[in-house]
């Protein structure tokens, strides 16, 4: 990887919950890409909710309220997540 930081954890790939949000065209908050959120996604049991795709198909997505609010991110978390 071209970027290296002692605060970034590369042991986990992109979590399937994030990919599912993208596939269903939901907004993916930048807060999901911090080390703390990545660890939470991969190590904890998370609440999911039933949502509907634009074609009416039911799907399950991760409940985003379990993660910090994107609008409340501090500068260091923003830089970590952006990378």
PDB file of N, CA and C in Angstrom:
ATOM      1  N   UNK A   1       0.843  -1.179   0.000  1.00  0.00           N
ATOM      2  CA  UNK A   1       0.000   0.000   0.000  1.00  0.00           C
ATOM      3  C   UNK A   1       0.884   1.237   0.000  1.00  0.00           C
ATOM      4  N   UNK A   2       0.530   2.234  -0.788  1.00  0.00           N
ATOM      5  CA  UNK A   2       1.360   3.416  -0.874  1.00  0.00           C
ATOM      6  C   UNK A   2       1.320   4.282   0.379  1.00  0.00           C
ATOM      7  N   UNK A   3       0.220   4.266   1.113  1.00  0.00           N
ATOM      8  CA  UNK A   3       0.079   5.098   2.305  1.00  0.00           C
ATOM      9  C   UNK A   3       0.268   4.238   3.535  1.00  0.00           C
ATOM     10  N   UNK A   4       1.048   4.711   4.468  1.00  0.00           N
ATOM     11  CA  UNK A   4       1.257   3.950   5.695  1.00  0.00           C
ATOM     12  C   UNK A   4       1.088   4.872   6.887  1.00  0.00           C
ATOM     13  N   UNK A   5       0.351   4.398   7.876  1.00  0.00           N
ATOM     14  CA  UNK A   5       0.142   5.178   9.084  1.00  0.00           C
ATOM     15  C   UNK A   5       0.001   4.229  10.253  1.00  0.00           C
ATOM     16  N   UNK A   6       0.511   4.625  11.380  1.00  0.00           N
ATOM     17  CA  UNK A   6       0.409   3.764  12.561  1.00  0.00           C
ATOM     18  C   UNK A   6      -1.021   3.701  13.083  1.00  0.00           C
ATOM     19  N   UNK A   7      -1.882   4.644  12.666  1.00  0.00           N
ATOM     20  CA  UNK A   7      -3.262   4.640  13.141  1.00  0.00           C
ATOM     21  C   UNK A   7      -4.198   3.917  12.186  1.00  0.00           C
ATOM     22  N   UNK A   8      -3.722   3.528  11.027  1.00  0.00           N
ATOM     23  CA  UNK A   8      -4.574   2.869  10.044  1.00  0.00           C
ATOM     24  C   UNK A   8      -4.401   1.361  10.150  1.00  0.00           C
ATOM     25  N   UNK A   9      -5.514   0.645  10.143  1.00  0.00           N
ATOM     26  CA  UNK A   9      -5.495  -0.800  10.295  1.00  0.00           C
ATOM     27  C   UNK A   9      -5.857  -1.432   8.956  1.00  0.00           C
ATOM     28  N   UNK A  10      -4.868  -2.075   8.303  1.00  0.00           N
ATOM     29  CA  UNK A  10      -5.099  -2.672   6.989  1.00  0.00           C
ATOM     30  C   UNK A  10      -5.404  -4.168   7.068  1.00  0.00           C
ATOM     31  N   UNK A  11      -5.619  -4.693   8.252  1.00  0.00           N
ATOM     32  CA  UNK A  11      -5.875  -6.124   8.377  1.00  0.00           C
ATOM     33  C   UNK A  11      -7.221  -6.515   7.788  1.00  0.00           C
ATOM     34  N   UNK A  12      -8.161  -5.597   7.755  1.00  0.00           N
ATOM     35  CA  UNK A  12      -9.495  -5.891   7.247  1.00  0.00           C
ATOM     36  C   UNK A  12      -9.696  -5.218   5.897  1.00  0.00           C
ATOM     37  N   UNK A  13     -10.429  -5.884   5.016  1.00  0.00           N
ATOM     38  CA  UNK A  13     -10.814  -5.266   3.751  1.00  0.00           C
ATOM     39  C   UNK A  13     -12.102  -4.483   3.941  1.00  0.00           C
ATOM     40  N   UNK A  14     -12.670  -4.032   2.851  1.00  0.00           N
ATOM     41  CA  UNK A  14     -13.935  -3.315   2.906  1.00  0.00           C
ATOM     42  C   UNK A  14     -15.030  -4.284   3.340  1.00  0.00           C
ATOM     43  N   UNK A  15     -15.726  -3.925   4.383  1.00  0.00           N
ATOM     44  CA  UNK A  15     -16.747  -4.803   4.951  1.00  0.00           C
ATOM     45  C   UNK A  15     -17.926  -4.960   3.985  1.00  0.00           C
ATOM     46  N   UNK A  16     -18.523  -6.156   3.922  1.00  0.00           N
ATOM     47  CA  UNK A  16     -19.681  -6.381   3.046  1.00  0.00           C
ATOM     48  C   UNK A  16     -20.843  -5.421   3.316  1.00  0.00           C
ATOM     49  N   UNK A  17     -21.010  -4.944   4.551  1.00  0.00           N
ATOM     50  CA  UNK A  17     -22.086  -3.978   4.831  1.00  0.00           C
ATOM     51  C   UNK A  17     -21.873  -2.686   4.041  1.00  0.00           C
ATOM     52  N   UNK A  18     -20.611  -2.264   3.911  1.00  0.00           N
ATOM     53  CA  UNK A  18     -20.317  -1.050   3.140  1.00  0.00           C
ATOM     54  C   UNK A  18     -20.581  -1.295   1.662  1.00  0.00           C
ATOM     55  N   UNK A  19     -20.154  -2.447   1.175  1.00  0.00           N
ATOM     56  CA  UNK A  19     -20.400  -2.792  -0.231  1.00  0.00           C
ATOM     57  C   UNK A  19     -21.894  -2.861  -0.514  1.00  0.00           C
ATOM     58  N   UNK A  20     -22.655  -3.395   0.440  1.00  0.00           N
ATOM     59  CA  UNK A  20     -24.100  -3.494   0.279  1.00  0.00           C
ATOM     60  C   UNK A  20     -24.739  -2.107   0.207  1.00  0.00           C
ATOM     61  N   UNK A  21     -24.282  -1.179   1.020  1.00  0.00           N
ATOM     62  CA  UNK A  21     -24.788   0.195   0.951  1.00  0.00           C
ATOM     63  C   UNK A  21     -24.519   0.783  -0.431  1.00  0.00           C
ATOM     64  N   UNK A  22     -23.311   0.559  -0.949  1.00  0.00           N
ATOM     65  CA  UNK A  22     -22.952   1.084  -2.274  1.00  0.00           C
ATOM     66  C   UNK A  22     -23.803   0.448  -3.371  1.00  0.00           C
ATOM     67  N   UNK A  23     -23.966  -0.857  -3.321  1.00  0.00           N
ATOM     68  CA  UNK A  23     -24.748  -1.560  -4.337  1.00  0.00           C
ATOM     69  C   UNK A  23     -26.205  -1.094  -4.360  1.00  0.00           C
ATOM     70  N   UNK A  24     -26.707  -0.711  -3.184  1.00  0.00           N
ATOM     71  CA  UNK A  24     -28.098  -0.259  -3.090  1.00  0.00           C
ATOM     72  C   UNK A  24     -28.234   1.261  -3.210  1.00  0.00           C
ATOM     73  N   UNK A  25     -27.111   1.913  -3.543  1.00  0.00           N
ATOM     74  CA  UNK A  25     -27.081   3.360  -3.797  1.00  0.00           C
ATOM     75  C   UNK A  25     -27.466   4.204  -2.579  1.00  0.00           C
ATOM     76  N   UNK A  26     -27.034   3.745  -1.396  1.00  0.00           N
ATOM     77  CA  UNK A  26     -27.227   4.510  -0.170  1.00  0.00           C
ATOM     78  C   UNK A  26     -25.972   5.341   0.081  1.00  0.00           C
ATOM     79  N   UNK A  27     -26.144   6.455   0.766  1.00  0.00           N
ATOM     80  CA  UNK A  27     -24.999   7.280   1.149  1.00  0.00           C
ATOM     81  C   UNK A  27     -24.132   6.496   2.116  1.00  0.00           C
ATOM     82  N   UNK A  28     -22.820   6.508   1.893  1.00  0.00           N
ATOM     83  CA  UNK A  28     -21.887   5.839   2.784  1.00  0.00           C
ATOM     84  C   UNK A  28     -21.142   6.926   3.549  1.00  0.00           C
ATOM     85  N   UNK A  29     -21.432   7.064   4.842  1.00  0.00           N
ATOM     86  CA  UNK A  29     -20.747   8.099   5.627  1.00  0.00           C
ATOM     87  C   UNK A  29     -19.250   7.832   5.711  1.00  0.00           C
ATOM     88  N   UNK A  30     -18.477   8.880   5.648  1.00  0.00           N
ATOM     89  CA  UNK A  30     -17.028   8.770   5.741  1.00  0.00           C
ATOM     90  C   UNK A  30     -16.607   8.149   7.073  1.00  0.00           C
ATOM     91  N   UNK A  31     -17.432   8.293   8.085  1.00  0.00           N
ATOM     92  CA  UNK A  31     -17.112   7.735   9.409  1.00  0.00           C
ATOM     93  C   UNK A  31     -16.973   6.214   9.386  1.00  0.00           C
ATOM     94  N   UNK A  32     -17.522   5.545   8.380  1.00  0.00           N
ATOM     95  CA  UNK A  32     -17.402   4.087   8.308  1.00  0.00           C
ATOM     96  C   UNK A  32     -15.995   3.640   7.941  1.00  0.00           C
ATOM     97  N   UNK A  33     -15.136   4.579   7.530  1.00  0.00           N
ATOM     98  CA  UNK A  33     -13.793   4.225   7.085  1.00  0.00           C
ATOM     99  C   UNK A  33     -12.698   4.562   8.091  1.00  0.00           C
ATOM    100  N   UNK A  34     -13.081   4.902   9.313  1.00  0.00           N
ATOM    101  CA  UNK A  34     -12.064   5.099  10.353  1.00  0.00           C
ATOM    102  C   UNK A  34     -11.669   3.732  10.911  1.00  0.00           C
ATOM    103  N   UNK A  35     -10.523   3.679  11.550  1.00  0.00           N
ATOM    104  CA  UNK A  35     -10.067   2.422  12.152  1.00  0.00           C
ATOM    105  C   UNK A  35     -11.069   1.925  13.192  1.00  0.00           C
ATOM    106  N   UNK A  36     -11.573   2.837  13.995  1.00  0.00           N
ATOM    107  CA  UNK A  36     -12.537   2.454  15.034  1.00  0.00           C
ATOM    108  C   UNK A  36     -13.786   1.815  14.414  1.00  0.00           C
ATOM    109  N   UNK A  37     -14.317   2.420  13.362  1.00  0.00           N
ATOM    110  CA  UNK A  37     -15.519   1.872  12.711  1.00  0.00           C
ATOM    111  C   UNK A  37     -15.219   0.575  11.984  1.00  0.00           C
ATOM    112  N   UNK A  38     -14.050   0.491  11.354  1.00  0.00           N
ATOM    113  CA  UNK A  38     -13.667  -0.752  10.670  1.00  0.00           C
ATOM    114  C   UNK A  38     -13.590  -1.896  11.664  1.00  0.00           C
ATOM    115  N   UNK A  39     -12.974  -1.646  12.804  1.00  0.00           N
ATOM    116  CA  UNK A  39     -12.912  -2.685  13.837  1.00  0.00           C
ATOM    117  C   UNK A  39     -14.306  -3.061  14.321  1.00  0.00           C
ATOM    118  N   UNK A  40     -15.164  -2.069  14.504  1.00  0.00           N
ATOM    119  CA  UNK A  40     -16.535  -2.329  14.947  1.00  0.00           C
ATOM    120  C   UNK A  40     -17.277  -3.179  13.914  1.00  0.00           C
ATOM    121  N   UNK A  41     -17.150  -2.833  12.650  1.00  0.00           N
ATOM    122  CA  UNK A  41     -17.826  -3.592  11.589  1.00  0.00           C
ATOM    123  C   UNK A  41     -17.399  -5.056  11.582  1.00  0.00           C
ATOM    124  N   UNK A  42     -16.118  -5.298  11.786  1.00  0.00           N
ATOM    125  CA  UNK A  42     -15.587  -6.651  11.671  1.00  0.00           C
ATOM    126  C   UNK A  42     -15.634  -7.466  12.960  1.00  0.00           C
ATOM    127  N   UNK A  43     -15.768  -6.795  14.104  1.00  0.00           N
ATOM    128  CA  UNK A  43     -15.659  -7.526  15.364  1.00  0.00           C
ATOM    129  C   UNK A  43     -16.926  -7.557  16.209  1.00  0.00           C
ATOM    130  N   UNK A  44     -17.902  -6.716  15.904  1.00  0.00           N
ATOM    131  CA  UNK A  44     -19.098  -6.643  16.743  1.00  0.00           C
ATOM    132  C   UNK A  44     -20.340  -7.083  15.974  1.00  0.00           C
ATOM    133  N   UNK A  45     -21.328  -7.505  16.721  1.00  0.00           N
ATOM    134  CA  UNK A  45     -22.643  -7.799  16.144  1.00  0.00           C
ATOM    135  C   UNK A  45     -23.364  -6.474  15.973  1.00  0.00           C
ATOM    136  N   UNK A  46     -23.793  -6.181  14.776  1.00  0.00           N
ATOM    137  CA  UNK A  46     -24.422  -4.896  14.496  1.00  0.00           C
ATOM    138  C   UNK A  46     -25.884  -5.060  14.110  1.00  0.00           C
ATOM    139  N   UNK A  47     -26.661  -4.060  14.446  1.00  0.00           N
ATOM    140  CA  UNK A  47     -28.079  -4.042  14.099  1.00  0.00           C
ATOM    141  C   UNK A  47     -28.218  -3.713  12.619  1.00  0.00           C
ATOM    142  N   UNK A  48     -29.083  -4.455  11.950  1.00  0.00           N
ATOM    143  CA  UNK A  48     -29.412  -4.161  10.565  1.00  0.00           C
ATOM    144  C   UNK A  48     -30.875  -3.738  10.500  1.00  0.00           C
ATOM    145  N   UNK A  49     -31.225  -3.028   9.452  1.00  0.00           N
ATOM    146  CA  UNK A  49     -32.613  -2.636   9.265  1.00  0.00           C
ATOM    147  C   UNK A  49     -33.063  -3.049   7.871  1.00  0.00           C
ATOM    148  N   UNK A  50     -34.351  -3.191   7.729  1.00  0.00           N
ATOM    149  CA  UNK A  50     -34.926  -3.523   6.427  1.00  0.00           C
ATOM    150  C   UNK A  50     -35.105  -2.232   5.649  1.00  0.00           C
ATOM    151  N   UNK A  51     -34.578  -2.216   4.431  1.00  0.00           N
ATOM    152  CA  UNK A  51     -34.753  -1.076   3.533  1.00  0.00           C
ATOM    153  C   UNK A  51     -35.221  -1.611   2.186  1.00  0.00           C
ATOM    154  N   UNK A  52     -35.588  -0.712   1.331  1.00  0.00           N
ATOM    155  CA  UNK A  52     -36.082  -1.111   0.014  1.00  0.00           C
ATOM    156  C   UNK A  52     -35.283  -0.427  -1.082  1.00  0.00           C
ATOM    157  N   UNK A  53     -34.885  -1.215  -2.071  1.00  0.00           N
ATOM    158  CA  UNK A  53     -34.184  -0.673  -3.233  1.00  0.00           C
ATOM    159  C   UNK A  53     -35.165   0.155  -4.051  1.00  0.00           C
ATOM    160  N   UNK A  54     -34.651   0.896  -5.003  1.00  0.00           N
ATOM    161  CA  UNK A  54     -35.511   1.737  -5.839  1.00  0.00           C
ATOM    162  C   UNK A  54     -36.536   0.919  -6.628  1.00  0.00           C
ATOM    163  N   UNK A  55     -36.237  -0.359  -6.876  1.00  0.00           N
ATOM    164  CA  UNK A  55     -37.186  -1.205  -7.614  1.00  0.00           C
ATOM    165  C   UNK A  55     -38.189  -1.905  -6.686  1.00  0.00           C
ATOM    166  N   UNK A  56     -38.118  -1.587  -5.379  1.00  0.00           N
ATOM    167  CA  UNK A  56     -39.056  -2.157  -4.420  1.00  0.00           C
ATOM    168  C   UNK A  56     -38.589  -3.426  -3.747  1.00  0.00           C
ATOM    169  N   UNK A  57     -37.421  -3.943  -4.125  1.00  0.00           N
ATOM    170  CA  UNK A  57     -36.889  -5.161  -3.523  1.00  0.00           C
ATOM    171  C   UNK A  57     -36.418  -4.880  -2.102  1.00  0.00           C
ATOM    172  N   UNK A  58     -36.813  -5.757  -1.184  1.00  0.00           N
ATOM    173  CA  UNK A  58     -36.420  -5.616   0.218  1.00  0.00           C
ATOM    174  C   UNK A  58     -34.980  -6.080   0.400  1.00  0.00           C
ATOM    175  N   UNK A  59     -34.223  -5.335   1.213  1.00  0.00           N
ATOM    176  CA  UNK A  59     -32.861  -5.743   1.546  1.00  0.00           C
ATOM    177  C   UNK A  59     -32.562  -5.322   2.979  1.00  0.00           C
ATOM    178  N   UNK A  60     -31.498  -5.834   3.519  1.00  0.00           N
ATOM    179  CA  UNK A  60     -31.063  -5.481   4.866  1.00  0.00           C
ATOM    180  C   UNK A  60     -29.803  -4.625   4.752  1.00  0.00           C
ATOM    181  N   UNK A  61     -29.763  -3.540   5.496  1.00  0.00           N
ATOM    182  CA  UNK A  61     -28.575  -2.692   5.538  1.00  0.00           C
ATOM    183  C   UNK A  61     -28.216  -2.424   6.996  1.00  0.00           C
ATOM    184  N   UNK A  62     -26.962  -2.103   7.222  1.00  0.00           N
ATOM    185  CA  UNK A  62     -26.499  -1.823   8.576  1.00  0.00           C
ATOM    186  C   UNK A  62     -27.154  -0.525   9.062  1.00  0.00           C
ATOM    187  N   UNK A  63     -27.537  -0.515  10.324  1.00  0.00           N
ATOM    188  CA  UNK A  63     -28.124   0.690  10.942  1.00  0.00           C
ATOM    189  C   UNK A  63     -26.995   1.672  11.200  1.00  0.00           C
ATOM    190  N   UNK A  64     -26.986   2.790  10.473  1.00  0.00           N
ATOM    191  CA  UNK A  64     -25.881   3.738  10.532  1.00  0.00           C
ATOM    192  C   UNK A  64     -25.822   4.543  11.820  1.00  0.00           C
ATOM    193  N   UNK A  65     -26.891   4.548  12.590  1.00  0.00           N
ATOM    194  CA  UNK A  65     -26.883   5.297  13.851  1.00  0.00           C
ATOM    195  C   UNK A  65     -25.919   4.681  14.873  1.00  0.00           C
ATOM    196  N   UNK A  66     -25.385   3.485  14.585  1.00  0.00           N
ATOM    197  CA  UNK A  66     -24.412   2.825  15.460  1.00  0.00           C
ATOM    198  C   UNK A  66     -23.006   3.405  15.311  1.00  0.00           C
ATOM    199  N   UNK A  67     -22.861   4.320  14.357  1.00  0.00           N
ATOM    200  CA  UNK A  67     -21.572   4.915  14.042  1.00  0.00           C
ATOM    201  C   UNK A  67     -21.630   6.420  14.255  1.00  0.00           C
ATOM    202  N   UNK A  68     -20.467   7.056  14.449  1.00  0.00           N
ATOM    203  CA  UNK A  68     -20.452   8.508  14.653  1.00  0.00           C
ATOM    204  C   UNK A  68     -21.076   9.253  13.462  1.00  0.00           C
ATOM    205  N   UNK A  69     -21.643  10.392  13.764  1.00  0.00           N
ATOM    206  CA  UNK A  69     -22.252  11.237  12.748  1.00  0.00           C
ATOM    207  C   UNK A  69     -21.164  11.855  11.872  1.00  0.00           C
ATOM    208  N   UNK A  70     -21.317  11.710  10.584  1.00  0.00           N
ATOM    209  CA  UNK A  70     -20.345  12.235   9.626  1.00  0.00           C
ATOM    210  C   UNK A  70     -20.156  13.750   9.784  1.00  0.00           C
ATOM    211  N   UNK A  71     -21.205  14.457  10.128  1.00  0.00           N
ATOM    212  CA  UNK A  71     -21.126  15.910  10.266  1.00  0.00           C
ATOM    213  C   UNK A  71     -20.399  16.348  11.536  1.00  0.00           C
ATOM    214  N   UNK A  72     -20.151  15.422  12.438  1.00  0.00           N
ATOM    215  CA  UNK A  72     -19.465  15.729  13.696  1.00  0.00           C
ATOM    216  C   UNK A  72     -18.013  15.240  13.711  1.00  0.00           C
ATOM    217  N   UNK A  73     -17.503  14.795  12.566  1.00  0.00           N
ATOM    218  CA  UNK A  73     -16.138  14.266  12.507  1.00  0.00           C
ATOM    219  C   UNK A  73     -15.122  15.357  12.812  1.00  0.00           C
ATOM    220  N   UNK A  74     -14.075  14.967  13.558  1.00  0.00           N
ATOM    221  CA  UNK A  74     -12.995  15.929  13.746  1.00  0.00           C
ATOM    222  C   UNK A  74     -12.006  15.784  12.582  1.00  0.00           C
ATOM    223  N   UNK A  75     -11.089  16.710  12.503  1.00  0.00           N
ATOM    224  CA  UNK A  75     -10.167  16.776  11.367  1.00  0.00           C
ATOM    225  C   UNK A  75      -9.308  15.515  11.257  1.00  0.00           C
ATOM    226  N   UNK A  76      -8.815  15.008  12.365  1.00  0.00           N
ATOM    227  CA  UNK A  76      -7.948  13.815  12.303  1.00  0.00           C
ATOM    228  C   UNK A  76      -8.716  12.599  11.817  1.00  0.00           C
ATOM    229  N   UNK A  77      -9.953  12.408  12.275  1.00  0.00           N
ATOM    230  CA  UNK A  77     -10.775  11.285  11.787  1.00  0.00           C
ATOM    231  C   UNK A  77     -11.083  11.446  10.301  1.00  0.00           C
ATOM    232  N   UNK A  78     -11.337  12.670   9.883  1.00  0.00           N
ATOM    233  CA  UNK A  78     -11.632  12.917   8.469  1.00  0.00           C
ATOM    234  C   UNK A  78     -10.441  12.514   7.603  1.00  0.00           C
ATOM    235  N   UNK A  79      -9.240  12.932   7.992  1.00  0.00           N
ATOM    236  CA  UNK A  79      -8.040  12.590   7.214  1.00  0.00           C
ATOM    237  C   UNK A  79      -7.792  11.086   7.216  1.00  0.00           C
ATOM    238  N   UNK A  80      -7.989  10.443   8.352  1.00  0.00           N
ATOM    239  CA  UNK A  80      -7.796   8.994   8.417  1.00  0.00           C
ATOM    240  C   UNK A  80      -8.778   8.288   7.490  1.00  0.00           C
ATOM    241  N   UNK A  81     -10.034   8.663   7.556  1.00  0.00           N
ATOM    242  CA  UNK A  81     -11.073   8.014   6.746  1.00  0.00           C
ATOM    243  C   UNK A  81     -10.888   8.306   5.258  1.00  0.00           C
ATOM    244  N   UNK A  82     -10.483   9.500   4.931  1.00  0.00           N
ATOM    245  CA  UNK A  82     -10.316   9.883   3.513  1.00  0.00           C
ATOM    246  C   UNK A  82      -9.247   9.046   2.861  1.00  0.00           C
ATOM    247  N   UNK A  83      -8.179   8.740   3.601  1.00  0.00           N
ATOM    248  CA  UNK A  83      -7.109   7.912   3.037  1.00  0.00           C
ATOM    249  C   UNK A  83      -7.600   6.516   2.764  1.00  0.00           C
TER     250      UNK A  83
END
